[in-house]
N, C-alpha and C. Protein backbone atom coordinates (compact mmCIF):
# COMPACT_ATOMS: atom_id res chain seq x y z
N UNK A 1 -109.23 -10.77 -11.52
CA UNK A 1 -108.90 -10.56 -10.13
C UNK A 1 -108.26 -11.81 -9.54
N UNK A 2 -108.71 -12.99 -9.96
CA UNK A 2 -108.17 -14.22 -9.41
C UNK A 2 -106.71 -14.43 -9.81
N UNK A 3 -106.31 -13.85 -10.93
CA UNK A 3 -104.93 -14.00 -11.38
C UNK A 3 -103.96 -13.26 -10.47
N UNK A 4 -104.43 -12.23 -9.80
CA UNK A 4 -103.56 -11.42 -8.96
C UNK A 4 -103.48 -11.94 -7.53
N UNK A 5 -104.35 -12.85 -7.15
CA UNK A 5 -104.40 -13.31 -5.76
C UNK A 5 -103.09 -13.96 -5.30
N UNK A 6 -102.49 -14.88 -6.05
CA UNK A 6 -101.22 -15.47 -5.57
C UNK A 6 -100.13 -14.42 -5.42
N UNK A 7 -100.08 -13.46 -6.36
CA UNK A 7 -99.06 -12.42 -6.27
C UNK A 7 -99.29 -11.54 -5.05
N UNK A 8 -100.55 -11.21 -4.77
CA UNK A 8 -100.86 -10.40 -3.60
C UNK A 8 -100.54 -11.15 -2.31
N UNK A 9 -100.82 -12.45 -2.29
CA UNK A 9 -100.51 -13.25 -1.11
C UNK A 9 -99.00 -13.29 -0.89
N UNK A 10 -98.24 -13.43 -1.95
CA UNK A 10 -96.77 -13.45 -1.84
C UNK A 10 -96.26 -12.12 -1.32
N UNK A 11 -96.78 -11.02 -1.87
CA UNK A 11 -96.33 -9.70 -1.43
C UNK A 11 -96.70 -9.46 0.03
N UNK A 12 -97.87 -9.91 0.45
CA UNK A 12 -98.28 -9.74 1.84
C UNK A 12 -97.37 -10.53 2.77
N UNK A 13 -97.02 -11.75 2.37
CA UNK A 13 -96.13 -12.56 3.20
C UNK A 13 -94.74 -11.94 3.25
N UNK A 14 -94.28 -11.44 2.14
CA UNK A 14 -92.95 -10.82 2.10
C UNK A 14 -92.94 -9.55 2.95
N UNK A 15 -94.02 -8.77 2.90
CA UNK A 15 -94.10 -7.56 3.71
C UNK A 15 -94.13 -7.92 5.19
N UNK A 16 -94.78 -9.02 5.53
CA UNK A 16 -94.83 -9.45 6.93
C UNK A 16 -93.46 -9.86 7.43
N UNK A 17 -92.67 -10.49 6.57
CA UNK A 17 -91.32 -10.88 6.97
C UNK A 17 -90.42 -9.67 7.16
N UNK A 18 -90.67 -8.63 6.39
CA UNK A 18 -89.83 -7.44 6.52
C UNK A 18 -90.13 -6.68 7.80
N UNK A 19 -91.25 -6.96 8.44
CA UNK A 19 -91.62 -6.31 9.69
C UNK A 19 -91.05 -7.01 10.91
N UNK A 20 -90.26 -8.07 10.69
CA UNK A 20 -89.65 -8.80 11.80
C UNK A 20 -88.68 -7.90 12.54
N UNK A 21 -88.24 -8.36 13.71
CA UNK A 21 -87.34 -7.57 14.54
C UNK A 21 -86.07 -7.22 13.76
N UNK A 22 -85.63 -5.97 13.85
CA UNK A 22 -84.42 -5.59 13.12
C UNK A 22 -83.20 -6.31 13.66
N UNK A 23 -82.27 -6.58 12.78
CA UNK A 23 -81.05 -7.27 13.18
C UNK A 23 -80.18 -6.34 14.01
N UNK A 24 -79.50 -6.91 14.98
CA UNK A 24 -78.62 -6.12 15.83
C UNK A 24 -77.44 -5.62 15.01
N UNK A 25 -77.08 -4.36 15.20
CA UNK A 25 -75.97 -3.80 14.44
C UNK A 25 -74.66 -4.24 15.06
N UNK A 26 -73.69 -4.62 14.24
CA UNK A 26 -72.40 -5.01 14.78
C UNK A 26 -71.69 -3.81 15.40
N UNK A 27 -70.95 -4.08 16.45
CA UNK A 27 -70.29 -3.00 17.18
C UNK A 27 -69.02 -2.57 16.45
N UNK A 28 -68.95 -1.31 16.12
CA UNK A 28 -67.77 -0.64 15.58
C UNK A 28 -67.12 -1.39 14.42
N UNK A 29 -67.89 -1.69 13.40
CA UNK A 29 -67.30 -2.28 12.21
C UNK A 29 -67.06 -1.16 11.21
N UNK A 30 -65.92 -1.14 10.60
CA UNK A 30 -65.64 -0.07 9.64
C UNK A 30 -66.50 -0.25 8.39
N UNK A 31 -67.04 0.83 7.90
CA UNK A 31 -67.85 0.78 6.69
C UNK A 31 -66.94 0.90 5.49
N UNK A 32 -67.26 0.21 4.41
CA UNK A 32 -66.41 0.31 3.22
C UNK A 32 -66.47 1.72 2.64
N UNK A 33 -65.35 2.19 2.14
CA UNK A 33 -65.29 3.54 1.62
C UNK A 33 -65.83 3.62 0.20
N UNK A 34 -65.78 2.53 -0.53
CA UNK A 34 -66.31 2.53 -1.89
C UNK A 34 -67.41 1.49 -1.99
N UNK A 35 -68.34 1.72 -2.87
CA UNK A 35 -69.43 0.76 -3.06
C UNK A 35 -68.99 -0.42 -3.90
N UNK A 36 -67.86 -0.33 -4.56
CA UNK A 36 -67.39 -1.42 -5.42
C UNK A 36 -66.97 -2.64 -4.60
N UNK A 37 -66.46 -2.44 -3.39
CA UNK A 37 -66.02 -3.58 -2.59
C UNK A 37 -67.18 -4.23 -1.86
N UNK A 38 -68.23 -3.50 -1.58
CA UNK A 38 -69.36 -4.06 -0.84
C UNK A 38 -70.07 -5.17 -1.61
N UNK A 39 -70.40 -5.00 -2.90
CA UNK A 39 -71.07 -6.08 -3.61
C UNK A 39 -70.21 -7.33 -3.74
N UNK A 40 -68.90 -7.16 -3.93
CA UNK A 40 -68.05 -8.34 -4.06
C UNK A 40 -67.99 -9.11 -2.75
N UNK A 41 -68.08 -8.40 -1.63
CA UNK A 41 -68.08 -9.07 -0.33
C UNK A 41 -69.35 -9.89 -0.16
N UNK A 42 -70.44 -9.40 -0.70
CA UNK A 42 -71.71 -10.13 -0.58
C UNK A 42 -71.74 -11.35 -1.49
N UNK A 43 -71.09 -11.28 -2.62
CA UNK A 43 -71.13 -12.37 -3.59
C UNK A 43 -70.19 -13.52 -3.23
N UNK A 44 -69.25 -13.31 -2.35
CA UNK A 44 -68.27 -14.34 -2.02
C UNK A 44 -68.89 -15.62 -1.46
N UNK A 45 -69.87 -15.57 -0.52
CA UNK A 45 -70.43 -16.81 0.01
C UNK A 45 -71.29 -17.57 -0.99
N UNK A 46 -71.74 -16.94 -2.06
CA UNK A 46 -72.64 -17.59 -3.00
C UNK A 46 -72.07 -18.86 -3.62
N UNK A 47 -70.81 -18.90 -4.06
CA UNK A 47 -70.31 -20.15 -4.66
C UNK A 47 -70.33 -21.32 -3.69
N UNK A 48 -70.08 -21.09 -2.42
CA UNK A 48 -70.12 -22.19 -1.46
C UNK A 48 -71.53 -22.75 -1.34
N UNK A 49 -72.52 -21.86 -1.25
CA UNK A 49 -73.89 -22.34 -1.14
C UNK A 49 -74.34 -22.98 -2.45
N UNK A 50 -73.87 -22.44 -3.57
CA UNK A 50 -74.20 -23.03 -4.87
C UNK A 50 -73.60 -24.42 -4.98
N UNK A 51 -72.37 -24.57 -4.50
CA UNK A 51 -71.73 -25.89 -4.54
C UNK A 51 -72.50 -26.89 -3.68
N UNK A 52 -72.98 -26.42 -2.53
CA UNK A 52 -73.77 -27.30 -1.67
C UNK A 52 -75.09 -27.66 -2.34
N UNK A 53 -75.73 -26.67 -2.97
CA UNK A 53 -76.98 -26.93 -3.68
C UNK A 53 -76.75 -27.89 -4.84
N UNK A 54 -75.65 -27.69 -5.57
CA UNK A 54 -75.33 -28.57 -6.69
C UNK A 54 -75.10 -30.00 -6.21
N UNK A 55 -74.40 -30.14 -5.10
CA UNK A 55 -74.13 -31.49 -4.57
C UNK A 55 -75.43 -32.16 -4.14
N UNK A 56 -76.31 -31.39 -3.49
CA UNK A 56 -77.60 -31.95 -3.06
C UNK A 56 -78.46 -32.32 -4.27
N UNK A 57 -78.45 -31.47 -5.29
CA UNK A 57 -79.23 -31.75 -6.50
C UNK A 57 -78.68 -32.98 -7.22
N UNK A 58 -77.36 -33.08 -7.30
CA UNK A 58 -76.74 -34.24 -7.94
C UNK A 58 -77.10 -35.53 -7.20
N UNK A 59 -77.08 -35.46 -5.89
CA UNK A 59 -77.43 -36.63 -5.07
C UNK A 59 -78.90 -37.01 -5.29
N UNK A 60 -79.78 -36.01 -5.39
CA UNK A 60 -81.20 -36.26 -5.60
C UNK A 60 -81.44 -36.89 -6.98
N UNK A 61 -80.77 -36.37 -7.99
CA UNK A 61 -80.94 -36.93 -9.34
C UNK A 61 -80.46 -38.38 -9.38
N UNK A 62 -79.31 -38.64 -8.77
CA UNK A 62 -78.80 -40.02 -8.73
C UNK A 62 -79.78 -40.95 -8.01
N UNK A 63 -80.36 -40.47 -6.91
CA UNK A 63 -81.32 -41.30 -6.17
C UNK A 63 -82.55 -41.59 -7.02
N UNK A 64 -83.03 -40.58 -7.75
CA UNK A 64 -84.20 -40.79 -8.61
C UNK A 64 -83.89 -41.77 -9.74
N UNK A 65 -82.70 -41.67 -10.30
CA UNK A 65 -82.31 -42.61 -11.35
C UNK A 65 -82.20 -44.03 -10.81
N UNK A 66 -81.67 -44.18 -9.61
CA UNK A 66 -81.53 -45.51 -9.00
C UNK A 66 -82.88 -46.14 -8.69
N UNK A 67 -83.86 -45.32 -8.31
CA UNK A 67 -85.20 -45.84 -7.99
C UNK A 67 -85.98 -46.22 -9.24
N UNK A 68 -85.62 -45.63 -10.37
CA UNK A 68 -86.39 -45.85 -11.60
C UNK A 68 -85.98 -47.16 -12.28
N UNK A 69 -86.76 -47.51 -13.29
CA UNK A 69 -86.49 -48.73 -14.05
C UNK A 69 -85.26 -48.59 -14.95
N UNK A 70 -84.79 -47.38 -15.14
CA UNK A 70 -83.64 -47.18 -16.02
C UNK A 70 -82.32 -47.22 -15.24
N UNK A 71 -82.36 -47.66 -14.02
CA UNK A 71 -81.15 -47.69 -13.18
C UNK A 71 -80.09 -48.64 -13.73
N UNK A 72 -80.48 -49.58 -14.57
CA UNK A 72 -79.51 -50.54 -15.11
C UNK A 72 -78.54 -49.88 -16.09
N UNK A 73 -78.88 -48.69 -16.59
CA UNK A 73 -78.01 -48.00 -17.54
C UNK A 73 -76.80 -47.34 -16.89
N UNK A 74 -76.87 -47.07 -15.61
CA UNK A 74 -75.75 -46.45 -14.86
C UNK A 74 -75.26 -45.17 -15.53
N UNK A 75 -76.17 -44.21 -15.67
CA UNK A 75 -75.81 -42.93 -16.26
C UNK A 75 -74.94 -42.13 -15.30
N UNK A 76 -74.07 -41.29 -15.86
CA UNK A 76 -73.23 -40.39 -15.08
C UNK A 76 -73.94 -39.05 -14.94
N UNK A 77 -73.95 -38.50 -13.72
CA UNK A 77 -74.63 -37.24 -13.45
C UNK A 77 -73.62 -36.25 -12.88
N UNK A 78 -73.60 -35.04 -13.45
CA UNK A 78 -72.81 -33.94 -12.90
C UNK A 78 -73.68 -32.71 -12.87
N UNK A 79 -73.56 -31.90 -11.81
CA UNK A 79 -74.33 -30.67 -11.69
C UNK A 79 -73.37 -29.53 -11.40
N UNK A 80 -73.51 -28.45 -12.15
CA UNK A 80 -72.69 -27.27 -11.93
C UNK A 80 -73.55 -26.04 -12.21
N UNK A 81 -73.72 -25.22 -11.20
CA UNK A 81 -74.53 -24.01 -11.36
C UNK A 81 -76.00 -24.32 -11.62
N UNK A 82 -76.49 -25.43 -11.13
CA UNK A 82 -77.88 -25.81 -11.33
C UNK A 82 -78.15 -26.50 -12.65
N UNK A 83 -77.11 -26.64 -13.48
CA UNK A 83 -77.24 -27.30 -14.79
C UNK A 83 -76.76 -28.74 -14.66
N UNK A 84 -77.66 -29.68 -14.91
CA UNK A 84 -77.34 -31.10 -14.80
C UNK A 84 -76.87 -31.62 -16.16
N UNK A 85 -75.76 -32.36 -16.15
CA UNK A 85 -75.25 -32.99 -17.36
C UNK A 85 -75.34 -34.49 -17.18
N UNK A 86 -76.04 -35.15 -18.10
CA UNK A 86 -76.23 -36.60 -18.06
C UNK A 86 -75.41 -37.22 -19.18
N UNK A 87 -74.67 -38.27 -18.85
CA UNK A 87 -73.86 -38.96 -19.84
C UNK A 87 -74.01 -40.46 -19.67
N UNK A 88 -73.81 -41.19 -20.75
CA UNK A 88 -73.88 -42.64 -20.71
C UNK A 88 -74.39 -43.19 -22.02
N UNK A 89 -74.69 -44.49 -22.01
CA UNK A 89 -75.20 -45.17 -23.20
C UNK A 89 -76.42 -45.98 -22.82
N UNK A 90 -77.35 -46.10 -23.76
CA UNK A 90 -78.56 -46.88 -23.51
C UNK A 90 -78.97 -47.62 -24.77
N UNK A 91 -79.69 -48.70 -24.56
CA UNK A 91 -80.21 -49.48 -25.67
C UNK A 91 -81.70 -49.25 -25.88
N UNK A 92 -82.28 -48.32 -25.12
CA UNK A 92 -83.71 -48.02 -25.24
C UNK A 92 -83.85 -46.51 -25.44
N UNK A 93 -84.47 -46.12 -26.53
CA UNK A 93 -84.59 -44.71 -26.88
C UNK A 93 -85.31 -43.90 -25.80
N UNK A 94 -86.35 -44.46 -25.20
CA UNK A 94 -87.14 -43.74 -24.22
C UNK A 94 -86.37 -43.43 -22.94
N UNK A 95 -85.31 -44.17 -22.65
CA UNK A 95 -84.55 -43.94 -21.42
C UNK A 95 -83.87 -42.58 -21.43
N UNK A 96 -83.52 -42.09 -22.59
CA UNK A 96 -82.89 -40.78 -22.70
C UNK A 96 -83.86 -39.69 -22.24
N UNK A 97 -85.08 -39.74 -22.71
CA UNK A 97 -86.09 -38.77 -22.30
C UNK A 97 -86.48 -38.91 -20.84
N UNK A 98 -86.54 -40.14 -20.36
CA UNK A 98 -86.88 -40.38 -18.97
C UNK A 98 -85.82 -39.79 -18.05
N UNK A 99 -84.56 -39.95 -18.39
CA UNK A 99 -83.48 -39.40 -17.58
C UNK A 99 -83.56 -37.87 -17.53
N UNK A 100 -83.88 -37.25 -18.65
CA UNK A 100 -84.03 -35.79 -18.68
C UNK A 100 -85.18 -35.36 -17.78
N UNK A 101 -86.30 -36.05 -17.88
CA UNK A 101 -87.47 -35.71 -17.06
C UNK A 101 -87.16 -35.86 -15.58
N UNK A 102 -86.48 -36.92 -15.20
CA UNK A 102 -86.14 -37.12 -13.79
C UNK A 102 -85.24 -36.00 -13.27
N UNK A 103 -84.29 -35.57 -14.08
CA UNK A 103 -83.38 -34.49 -13.66
C UNK A 103 -84.13 -33.17 -13.51
N UNK A 104 -85.03 -32.89 -14.42
CA UNK A 104 -85.81 -31.63 -14.32
C UNK A 104 -86.73 -31.66 -13.11
N UNK A 105 -87.37 -32.79 -12.87
CA UNK A 105 -88.26 -32.91 -11.72
C UNK A 105 -87.50 -32.82 -10.40
N UNK A 106 -86.23 -33.15 -10.41
CA UNK A 106 -85.41 -33.04 -9.21
C UNK A 106 -85.08 -31.58 -8.90
N UNK A 107 -85.20 -30.70 -9.91
CA UNK A 107 -84.97 -29.28 -9.67
C UNK A 107 -83.85 -28.67 -10.49
N UNK A 108 -83.35 -29.38 -11.48
CA UNK A 108 -82.29 -28.82 -12.32
C UNK A 108 -82.83 -27.66 -13.13
N UNK A 109 -82.07 -26.58 -13.21
CA UNK A 109 -82.48 -25.42 -13.99
C UNK A 109 -82.45 -25.74 -15.49
N UNK A 110 -81.47 -26.52 -15.88
CA UNK A 110 -81.30 -26.91 -17.27
C UNK A 110 -80.69 -28.30 -17.28
N UNK A 111 -81.01 -29.09 -18.29
CA UNK A 111 -80.45 -30.43 -18.41
C UNK A 111 -79.75 -30.56 -19.76
N UNK A 112 -78.47 -30.92 -19.70
CA UNK A 112 -77.70 -31.20 -20.92
C UNK A 112 -77.60 -32.72 -21.01
N UNK A 113 -78.33 -33.28 -21.97
CA UNK A 113 -78.42 -34.73 -22.09
C UNK A 113 -77.45 -35.21 -23.16
N UNK A 114 -76.36 -35.83 -22.71
CA UNK A 114 -75.35 -36.37 -23.63
C UNK A 114 -75.42 -37.90 -23.68
N UNK A 115 -76.58 -38.46 -23.36
CA UNK A 115 -76.77 -39.91 -23.38
C UNK A 115 -76.83 -40.37 -24.83
N UNK A 116 -76.04 -41.37 -25.16
CA UNK A 116 -75.98 -41.90 -26.52
C UNK A 116 -76.90 -43.11 -26.63
N UNK A 117 -77.74 -43.11 -27.67
CA UNK A 117 -78.66 -44.21 -27.93
C UNK A 117 -78.02 -45.13 -28.95
N UNK A 118 -78.08 -46.44 -28.71
CA UNK A 118 -77.45 -47.40 -29.62
C UNK A 118 -78.14 -47.39 -30.98
N UNK A 119 -77.39 -47.77 -32.00
CA UNK A 119 -77.93 -47.83 -33.36
C UNK A 119 -79.08 -48.83 -33.44
N UNK A 120 -78.97 -49.93 -32.71
CA UNK A 120 -80.03 -50.94 -32.70
C UNK A 120 -81.34 -50.34 -32.19
N UNK A 121 -81.26 -49.53 -31.13
CA UNK A 121 -82.46 -48.90 -30.57
C UNK A 121 -83.05 -47.89 -31.55
N UNK A 122 -82.19 -47.16 -32.25
CA UNK A 122 -82.67 -46.19 -33.24
C UNK A 122 -83.39 -46.90 -34.38
N UNK A 123 -82.81 -48.01 -34.85
CA UNK A 123 -83.43 -48.77 -35.95
C UNK A 123 -84.76 -49.38 -35.51
N UNK A 124 -84.81 -49.88 -34.29
CA UNK A 124 -86.04 -50.47 -33.77
C UNK A 124 -87.14 -49.41 -33.68
N UNK A 125 -86.77 -48.23 -33.21
CA UNK A 125 -87.74 -47.15 -33.10
C UNK A 125 -88.24 -46.72 -34.47
N UNK A 126 -87.34 -46.62 -35.44
CA UNK A 126 -87.73 -46.24 -36.80
C UNK A 126 -88.65 -47.29 -37.41
N UNK A 127 -88.37 -48.57 -37.16
CA UNK A 127 -89.22 -49.64 -37.68
C UNK A 127 -90.61 -49.58 -37.05
N UNK A 128 -90.68 -49.28 -35.77
CA UNK A 128 -91.97 -49.15 -35.10
C UNK A 128 -92.78 -48.00 -35.67
N UNK A 129 -92.11 -46.90 -36.01
CA UNK A 129 -92.82 -45.77 -36.59
C UNK A 129 -93.37 -46.11 -37.97
N UNK A 130 -92.59 -46.84 -38.75
CA UNK A 130 -93.04 -47.23 -40.09
C UNK A 130 -94.18 -48.23 -40.04
N UNK A 131 -94.18 -49.12 -39.05
CA UNK A 131 -95.21 -50.15 -38.94
C UNK A 131 -96.55 -49.56 -38.53
N UNK A 132 -96.55 -48.43 -37.89
CA UNK A 132 -97.80 -47.82 -37.45
C UNK A 132 -98.15 -48.22 -36.04
N UNK A 133 -99.38 -47.89 -35.68
CA UNK A 133 -99.83 -48.16 -34.32
C UNK A 133 -100.03 -49.63 -34.07
N UNK A 134 -99.69 -50.02 -32.86
CA UNK A 134 -99.98 -51.39 -32.45
C UNK A 134 -101.42 -51.45 -31.95
N UNK A 135 -101.93 -52.63 -31.77
CA UNK A 135 -103.32 -52.79 -31.36
C UNK A 135 -103.60 -52.06 -30.05
N UNK A 136 -102.68 -52.12 -29.11
CA UNK A 136 -102.89 -51.46 -27.81
C UNK A 136 -102.92 -49.95 -27.95
N UNK A 137 -102.38 -49.42 -29.03
CA UNK A 137 -102.32 -47.98 -29.22
C UNK A 137 -103.46 -47.45 -30.09
N UNK A 138 -104.31 -48.32 -30.60
CA UNK A 138 -105.42 -47.90 -31.44
C UNK A 138 -106.51 -47.29 -30.57
N UNK A 139 -107.03 -46.15 -31.00
CA UNK A 139 -108.08 -45.48 -30.24
C UNK A 139 -109.37 -46.30 -30.30
N UNK A 140 -110.19 -46.18 -29.28
CA UNK A 140 -111.44 -46.95 -29.23
C UNK A 140 -112.35 -46.64 -30.40
N UNK A 141 -112.40 -45.38 -30.79
CA UNK A 141 -113.26 -45.03 -31.91
C UNK A 141 -112.80 -45.72 -33.20
N UNK A 142 -111.49 -45.86 -33.36
CA UNK A 142 -110.95 -46.54 -34.53
C UNK A 142 -111.20 -48.04 -34.44
N UNK A 143 -111.16 -48.60 -33.24
CA UNK A 143 -111.35 -50.03 -33.06
C UNK A 143 -112.78 -50.43 -33.42
N UNK A 144 -113.77 -49.63 -33.02
CA UNK A 144 -115.15 -49.98 -33.33
C UNK A 144 -115.40 -49.88 -34.84
N UNK A 145 -114.79 -48.92 -35.50
CA UNK A 145 -114.94 -48.79 -36.95
C UNK A 145 -114.29 -49.98 -37.66
N UNK A 146 -113.18 -50.44 -37.13
CA UNK A 146 -112.50 -51.59 -37.73
C UNK A 146 -113.30 -52.87 -37.54
N UNK A 147 -113.90 -53.04 -36.37
CA UNK A 147 -114.65 -54.27 -36.12
C UNK A 147 -115.92 -54.30 -36.97
N UNK A 148 -116.52 -53.15 -37.24
CA UNK A 148 -117.70 -53.10 -38.10
C UNK A 148 -117.31 -53.40 -39.55
N UNK A 149 -116.13 -52.99 -39.94
CA UNK A 149 -115.68 -53.23 -41.31
C UNK A 149 -115.43 -54.71 -41.55
N UNK A 150 -115.07 -55.46 -40.52
CA UNK A 150 -114.80 -56.89 -40.67
C UNK A 150 -116.08 -57.68 -40.84
N UNK A 151 -117.19 -57.20 -40.40
CA UNK A 151 -118.45 -57.96 -40.45
C UNK A 151 -119.00 -58.07 -41.80
């Protein structure tokens, strides 16, 4: 029953909005003779609002990137149809994932990450994986077992 509560609340709110005062009818407007022209007339304003939403989303993503520690990379951001495209180069492997996360949290429907990671960063990351966990990454249970083994 608890799973249905948010859906019921949404439906109740939507039903309440539909009970609002009816819109005034325009005076003597000709009705379209075919239904094929009516949907196209409704879809025409959508690209303008989408372009505005894309511009706002692009601005938000850029602001988030500038506030973050990865702002020194100066990534390029483009948004079209809610899809954010990130481009640029970085010397830190984690910055690529961070940029993707920031774009998604800003509200991008999809993120196309074309950020290139330097070969040096790839080699450093591979070396870290081969070396294993650092002391700061060792779990407490493993640390106590290691300290007992040294005694």
